PDB file of N, CA and C in Angstrom:
ATOM      1  N   MET A   1      -9.545   2.850  12.150  1.00  0.00           N
ATOM      2  CA  MET A   1     -11.542   1.872  12.316  1.00  0.00           C
ATOM      3  C   MET A   1     -11.714   2.251  14.142  1.00  0.00           C
ATOM      4  N   SER A   2     -12.969   2.073  13.787  1.00  0.00           N
ATOM      5  CA  SER A   2     -13.521   2.881  14.635  1.00  0.00           C
ATOM      6  C   SER A   2     -14.388   1.253  15.634  1.00  0.00           C
ATOM      7  N   SER A   3     -14.825   0.909  16.906  1.00  0.00           N
ATOM      8  CA  SER A   3     -15.291  -0.006  17.400  1.00  0.00           C
ATOM      9  C   SER A   3     -16.306  -0.413  17.421  1.00  0.00           C
ATOM     10  N   GLU A   4     -16.923   0.258  16.247  1.00  0.00           N
ATOM     11  CA  GLU A   4     -18.254   0.239  15.839  1.00  0.00           C
ATOM     12  C   GLU A   4     -17.800  -1.661  14.539  1.00  0.00           C
ATOM     13  N   HIS A   5     -17.005  -1.620  14.243  1.00  0.00           N
ATOM     14  CA  HIS A   5     -16.936  -2.818  13.385  1.00  0.00           C
ATOM     15  C   HIS A   5     -16.502  -3.835  13.762  1.00  0.00           C
ATOM     16  N   ALA A   6     -17.114  -4.349  13.371  1.00  0.00           N
ATOM     17  CA  ALA A   6     -16.532  -6.364  13.826  1.00  0.00           C
ATOM     18  C   ALA A   6     -14.977  -6.760  12.784  1.00  0.00           C
ATOM     19  N   THR A   7     -14.492  -7.640  13.504  1.00  0.00           N
ATOM     20  CA  THR A   7     -13.490  -8.335  13.240  1.00  0.00           C
ATOM     21  C   THR A   7     -13.447  -9.793  13.532  1.00  0.00           C
ATOM     22  N   GLU A   8     -12.273  -9.804  12.606  1.00  0.00           N
ATOM     23  CA  GLU A   8     -12.405 -11.984  12.646  1.00  0.00           C
ATOM     24  C   GLU A   8     -10.732 -12.261  12.569  1.00  0.00           C
ATOM     25  N   GLN A   9     -10.411 -12.982  13.772  1.00  0.00           N
ATOM     26  CA  GLN A   9      -9.452 -13.790  12.998  1.00  0.00           C
ATOM     27  C   GLN A   9      -9.224 -14.687  11.683  1.00  0.00           C
ATOM     28  N   VAL A  10      -8.201 -14.774  11.377  1.00  0.00           N
ATOM     29  CA  VAL A  10      -8.696 -15.555   9.801  1.00  0.00           C
ATOM     30  C   VAL A  10      -7.006 -15.596   9.554  1.00  0.00           C
ATOM     31  N   ARG A  11      -6.419 -16.908   8.793  1.00  0.00           N
ATOM     32  CA  ARG A  11      -5.287 -16.989   8.392  1.00  0.00           C
ATOM     33  C   ARG A  11      -4.855 -15.880   7.370  1.00  0.00           C
ATOM     34  N   LEU A  12      -3.292 -15.657   7.609  1.00  0.00           N
ATOM     35  CA  LEU A  12      -2.999 -14.903   6.353  1.00  0.00           C
ATOM     36  C   LEU A  12      -3.449 -15.064   4.430  1.00  0.00           C
ATOM     37  N   SER A  13      -3.277 -16.520   4.619  1.00  0.00           N
ATOM     38  CA  SER A  13      -3.242 -16.643   3.669  1.00  0.00           C
ATOM     39  C   SER A  13      -4.908 -16.798   2.737  1.00  0.00           C
ATOM     40  N   ASP A  14      -5.775 -16.198   4.313  1.00  0.00           N
ATOM     41  CA  ASP A  14      -6.888 -15.996   3.301  1.00  0.00           C
ATOM     42  C   ASP A  14      -7.537 -14.886   3.558  1.00  0.00           C
ATOM     43  N   ILE A  15      -6.760 -13.758   2.609  1.00  0.00           N
ATOM     44  CA  ILE A  15      -6.577 -12.383   3.005  1.00  0.00           C
ATOM     45  C   ILE A  15      -6.665 -11.718   1.737  1.00  0.00           C
ATOM     46  N   ARG A  16      -7.514 -11.013   1.251  1.00  0.00           N
ATOM     47  CA  ARG A  16      -7.962 -10.722  -0.616  1.00  0.00           C
ATOM     48  C   ARG A  16      -7.416  -9.067  -0.818  1.00  0.00           C
ATOM     49  N   GLU A  17      -7.741  -9.262  -1.871  1.00  0.00           N
ATOM     50  CA  GLU A  17      -7.672  -7.744  -2.328  1.00  0.00           C
ATOM     51  C   GLU A  17      -8.982  -7.132  -1.809  1.00  0.00           C
ATOM     52  N   GLY A  18      -8.842  -5.912  -1.031  1.00  0.00           N
ATOM     53  CA  GLY A  18      -9.704  -5.484  -0.466  1.00  0.00           C
ATOM     54  C   GLY A  18     -10.496  -5.098   0.479  1.00  0.00           C
ATOM     55  N   ASP A  19      -9.694  -6.612   1.016  1.00  0.00           N
ATOM     56  CA  ASP A  19     -10.202  -6.812   2.429  1.00  0.00           C
ATOM     57  C   ASP A  19      -8.576  -5.098   3.814  1.00  0.00           C
ATOM     58  N   MET A  20      -9.833  -5.553   4.659  1.00  0.00           N
ATOM     59  CA  MET A  20      -9.108  -4.372   5.295  1.00  0.00           C
ATOM     60  C   MET A  20      -8.437  -5.712   6.798  1.00  0.00           C
ATOM     61  N   LEU A  21      -7.568  -5.220   7.088  1.00  0.00           N
ATOM     62  CA  LEU A  21      -6.973  -5.612   7.703  1.00  0.00           C
ATOM     63  C   LEU A  21      -5.489  -5.397   8.927  1.00  0.00           C
ATOM     64  N   GLN A  22      -5.800  -5.885  10.326  1.00  0.00           N
ATOM     65  CA  GLN A  22      -5.167  -4.924  10.850  1.00  0.00           C
ATOM     66  C   GLN A  22      -3.441  -5.522  11.161  1.00  0.00           C
ATOM     67  N   ASP A  23      -1.948  -4.785  10.597  1.00  0.00           N
ATOM     68  CA  ASP A  23      -0.906  -4.565  10.115  1.00  0.00           C
ATOM     69  C   ASP A  23      -0.512  -5.680  11.634  1.00  0.00           C
ATOM     70  N   PRO A  24       0.167  -6.255  11.322  1.00  0.00           N
ATOM     71  CA  PRO A  24       0.536  -7.528  12.810  1.00  0.00           C
ATOM     72  C   PRO A  24       2.150  -6.772  13.208  1.00  0.00           C
ATOM     73  N   ARG A  25       2.392  -5.808  12.708  1.00  0.00           N
ATOM     74  CA  ARG A  25       3.824  -4.947  13.030  1.00  0.00           C
ATOM     75  C   ARG A  25       3.583  -3.662  13.606  1.00  0.00           C
ATOM     76  N   SER A  26       2.597  -2.986  13.056  1.00  0.00           N
ATOM     77  CA  SER A  26       2.646  -1.663  13.568  1.00  0.00           C
ATOM     78  C   SER A  26       0.957  -1.835  14.239  1.00  0.00           C
ATOM     79  N   GLY A  27       0.227  -2.733  14.035  1.00  0.00           N
ATOM     80  CA  GLY A  27      -1.052  -2.078  14.437  1.00  0.00           C
ATOM     81  C   GLY A  27      -2.221  -1.411  13.523  1.00  0.00           C
ATOM     82  N   LYS A  28      -1.779  -0.695  13.097  1.00  0.00           N
ATOM     83  CA  LYS A  28      -2.090   0.106  11.996  1.00  0.00           C
ATOM     84  C   LYS A  28      -3.594  -0.957  11.117  1.00  0.00           C
ATOM     85  N   TRP A  29      -4.545  -0.469  10.521  1.00  0.00           N
ATOM     86  CA  TRP A  29      -5.408  -0.419   9.797  1.00  0.00           C
ATOM     87  C   TRP A  29      -5.136  -0.513   8.090  1.00  0.00           C
ATOM     88  N   ILE A  30      -5.095  -0.923   7.328  1.00  0.00           N
ATOM     89  CA  ILE A  30      -4.930  -0.777   5.976  1.00  0.00           C
ATOM     90  C   ILE A  30      -5.870  -2.116   5.083  1.00  0.00           C
ATOM     91  N   LYS A  31      -5.526  -0.983   4.239  1.00  0.00           N
ATOM     92  CA  LYS A  31      -7.030  -1.772   3.042  1.00  0.00           C
ATOM     93  C   LYS A  31      -5.811  -2.558   1.386  1.00  0.00           C
ATOM     94  N   ILE A  32      -5.674  -3.358   2.210  1.00  0.00           N
ATOM     95  CA  ILE A  32      -4.756  -5.264   0.589  1.00  0.00           C
ATOM     96  C   ILE A  32      -5.479  -4.187  -0.625  1.00  0.00           C
ATOM     97  N   THR A  33      -4.222  -3.879  -1.347  1.00  0.00           N
ATOM     98  CA  THR A  33      -4.307  -2.757  -2.489  1.00  0.00           C
ATOM     99  C   THR A  33      -4.274  -3.952  -3.559  1.00  0.00           C
ATOM    100  N   GLN A  34      -3.580  -5.544  -3.204  1.00  0.00           N
ATOM    101  CA  GLN A  34      -2.022  -6.191  -4.372  1.00  0.00           C
ATOM    102  C   GLN A  34      -1.809  -6.665  -3.392  1.00  0.00           C
ATOM    103  N   THR A  35      -1.563  -8.552  -3.563  1.00  0.00           N
ATOM    104  CA  THR A  35      -1.240  -9.246  -2.971  1.00  0.00           C
ATOM    105  C   THR A  35      -0.088 -10.290  -4.608  1.00  0.00           C
ATOM    106  N   THR A  36       0.976 -10.662  -4.048  1.00  0.00           N
ATOM    107  CA  THR A  36       2.155 -11.067  -5.589  1.00  0.00           C
ATOM    108  C   THR A  36       2.439 -12.600  -4.620  1.00  0.00           C
ATOM    109  N   ASP A  37       2.140 -13.033  -5.460  1.00  0.00           N
ATOM    110  CA  ASP A  37       3.430 -15.009  -5.250  1.00  0.00           C
ATOM    111  C   ASP A  37       4.766 -14.400  -5.630  1.00  0.00           C
ATOM    112  N   ALA A  38       5.620 -15.548  -4.535  1.00  0.00           N
ATOM    113  CA  ALA A  38       7.233 -14.933  -4.733  1.00  0.00           C
ATOM    114  C   ALA A  38       7.713 -16.526  -5.542  1.00  0.00           C
ATOM    115  N   THR A  39       8.903 -16.668  -6.102  1.00  0.00           N
ATOM    116  CA  THR A  39       8.603 -18.357  -6.530  1.00  0.00           C
ATOM    117  C   THR A  39       9.044 -18.981  -5.487  1.00  0.00           C
ATOM    118  N   GLU A  40       9.587 -18.984  -4.059  1.00  0.00           N
ATOM    119  CA  GLU A  40       9.666 -19.505  -2.596  1.00  0.00           C
ATOM    120  C   GLU A  40       8.253 -19.942  -2.390  1.00  0.00           C
ATOM    121  N   ARG A  41       7.300 -19.759  -2.619  1.00  0.00           N
ATOM    122  CA  ARG A  41       6.023 -20.632  -2.421  1.00  0.00           C
ATOM    123  C   ARG A  41       5.665 -19.630  -0.628  1.00  0.00           C
ATOM    124  N   TYR A  42       5.705 -18.167  -0.810  1.00  0.00           N
ATOM    125  CA  TYR A  42       4.970 -17.126  -0.058  1.00  0.00           C
ATOM    126  C   TYR A  42       4.883 -15.885  -0.190  1.00  0.00           C
ATOM    127  N   ARG A  43       3.804 -15.354   0.032  1.00  0.00           N
ATOM    128  CA  ARG A  43       3.160 -14.405  -0.459  1.00  0.00           C
ATOM    129  C   ARG A  43       3.685 -12.568   0.487  1.00  0.00           C
ATOM    130  N   VAL A  44       3.599 -11.632  -1.055  1.00  0.00           N
ATOM    131  CA  VAL A  44       3.294  -9.908   0.292  1.00  0.00           C
ATOM    132  C   VAL A  44       2.298  -9.472  -0.337  1.00  0.00           C
ATOM    133  N   TYR A  45       1.726  -8.974   1.206  1.00  0.00           N
ATOM    134  CA  TYR A  45       0.231  -8.496   0.743  1.00  0.00           C
ATOM    135  C   TYR A  45       1.120  -7.164   0.562  1.00  0.00           C
ATOM    136  N   HIS A  46       0.449  -5.802  -0.137  1.00  0.00           N
ATOM    137  CA  HIS A  46       0.550  -4.720  -0.513  1.00  0.00           C
ATOM    138  C   HIS A  46      -0.903  -4.391   0.319  1.00  0.00           C
ATOM    139  N   GLY A  47      -0.266  -2.517   0.900  1.00  0.00           N
ATOM    140  CA  GLY A  47      -1.262  -2.094   1.055  1.00  0.00           C
ATOM    141  C   GLY A  47      -1.210  -0.726   0.700  1.00  0.00           C
ATOM    142  N   ASP A  48      -2.324  -0.396   1.045  1.00  0.00           N
ATOM    143  CA  ASP A  48      -3.038   1.047  -0.248  1.00  0.00           C
ATOM    144  C   ASP A  48      -1.942   2.397   0.382  1.00  0.00           C
ATOM    145  N   GLY A  49      -1.148   2.137   1.744  1.00  0.00           N
ATOM    146  CA  GLY A  49      -0.410   2.865   1.538  1.00  0.00           C
ATOM    147  C   GLY A  49       0.809   2.878   1.879  1.00  0.00           C
ATOM    148  N   GLY A  50       1.753   2.248   1.165  1.00  0.00           N
ATOM    149  CA  GLY A  50       3.101   1.532   0.462  1.00  0.00           C
ATOM    150  C   GLY A  50       3.060   0.492   1.572  1.00  0.00           C
ATOM    151  N   GLU A  51       2.508  -0.035   2.722  1.00  0.00           N
ATOM    152  CA  GLU A  51       2.337  -0.974   3.520  1.00  0.00           C
ATOM    153  C   GLU A  51       3.110  -2.422   2.399  1.00  0.00           C
ATOM    154  N   VAL A  52       3.848  -3.067   3.603  1.00  0.00           N
ATOM    155  CA  VAL A  52       4.260  -4.466   3.022  1.00  0.00           C
ATOM    156  C   VAL A  52       3.178  -5.637   3.844  1.00  0.00           C
ATOM    157  N   ILE A  53       3.602  -6.505   3.881  1.00  0.00           N
ATOM    158  CA  ILE A  53       3.508  -7.987   5.100  1.00  0.00           C
ATOM    159  C   ILE A  53       4.202  -8.977   4.116  1.00  0.00           C
ATOM    160  N   ASP A  54       4.940  -9.057   4.242  1.00  0.00           N
ATOM    161  CA  ASP A  54       5.585 -10.466   3.747  1.00  0.00           C
ATOM    162  C   ASP A  54       4.934 -11.833   5.015  1.00  0.00           C
ATOM    163  N   SER A  55       4.103 -12.881   3.835  1.00  0.00           N
ATOM    164  CA  SER A  55       4.272 -13.637   4.712  1.00  0.00           C
ATOM    165  C   SER A  55       5.456 -14.853   5.375  1.00  0.00           C
ATOM    166  N   ARG A  56       5.979 -14.771   5.395  1.00  0.00           N
ATOM    167  CA  ARG A  56       7.261 -15.066   5.687  1.00  0.00           C
ATOM    168  C   ARG A  56       7.509 -14.917   6.989  1.00  0.00           C
ATOM    169  N   PHE A  57       7.459 -14.295   7.717  1.00  0.00           N
ATOM    170  CA  PHE A  57       7.506 -13.301   9.287  1.00  0.00           C
ATOM    171  C   PHE A  57       6.021 -13.326   9.887  1.00  0.00           C
ATOM    172  N   VAL A  58       4.670 -13.879   9.443  1.00  0.00           N
ATOM    173  CA  VAL A  58       4.182 -13.703  10.242  1.00  0.00           C
ATOM    174  C   VAL A  58       3.412 -14.933  10.161  1.00  0.00           C
ATOM    175  N   THR A  59       3.601 -15.498  11.753  1.00  0.00           N
ATOM    176  CA  THR A  59       2.673 -16.965  12.427  1.00  0.00           C
ATOM    177  C   THR A  59       1.580 -16.317  13.032  1.00  0.00           C
ATOM    178  N   GLY A  60       0.489 -17.576  13.045  1.00  0.00           N
ATOM    179  CA  GLY A  60      -0.704 -17.144  13.321  1.00  0.00           C
ATOM    180  C   GLY A  60      -1.697 -17.106  12.764  1.00  0.00           C
ATOM    181  N   LEU A  61      -2.895 -15.842  13.428  1.00  0.00           N
ATOM    182  CA  LEU A  61      -4.044 -15.209  13.220  1.00  0.00           C
ATOM    183  C   LEU A  61      -4.144 -13.834  12.743  1.00  0.00           C
ATOM    184  N   VAL A  62      -4.792 -13.559  12.224  1.00  0.00           N
ATOM    185  CA  VAL A  62      -4.453 -11.922  12.082  1.00  0.00           C
ATOM    186  C   VAL A  62      -6.148 -11.761  11.723  1.00  0.00           C
ATOM    187  N   ASN A  63      -6.406  -9.961  12.267  1.00  0.00           N
ATOM    188  CA  ASN A  63      -7.335  -9.430  11.944  1.00  0.00           C
ATOM    189  C   ASN A  63      -7.995  -8.984  11.117  1.00  0.00           C
ATOM    190  N   ARG A  64      -9.360  -9.048  10.677  1.00  0.00           N
ATOM    191  CA  ARG A  64      -9.544  -8.504   9.447  1.00  0.00           C
ATOM    192  C   ARG A  64     -11.214  -8.257  10.008  1.00  0.00           C
ATOM    193  N   GLN A  65     -10.928  -7.503   8.858  1.00  0.00           N
ATOM    194  CA  GLN A  65     -12.516  -6.163   9.572  1.00  0.00           C
ATOM    195  C   GLN A  65     -13.421  -7.002   8.634  1.00  0.00           C
ATOM    196  N   VAL A  66     -14.888  -7.458   8.984  1.00  0.00           N
ATOM    197  CA  VAL A  66     -15.476  -8.325   9.102  1.00  0.00           C
ATOM    198  C   VAL A  66     -16.121  -7.272   7.478  1.00  0.00           C
ATOM    199  N   ARG A  67     -16.678  -7.889   6.121  1.00  0.00           N
ATOM    200  CA  ARG A  67     -17.317  -7.313   5.244  1.00  0.00           C
ATOM    201  C   ARG A  67     -18.912  -7.337   5.273  1.00  0.00           C
ATOM    202  N   GLU A  68     -19.516  -6.076   5.313  1.00  0.00           N
ATOM    203  CA  GLU A  68     -21.065  -6.345   5.773  1.00  0.00           C
ATOM    204  C   GLU A  68     -21.381  -6.464   3.813  1.00  0.00           C
TER     205      GLU A  68
END
């Protein structure tokens, strides 16, 4: 992602399919293609490159690209 795109910090629970999210672990930008709910009240976010972000391990806010 180039520096010309605006970002915002949001809770992981506010991320929706199609959002561009900065992976909290790798720092890479990924497009969220699917979210799945687990039976134990957490969500798993799947990226277009096979990335998986488990909400149990993310605290605080994440960076999301602002949609225009």
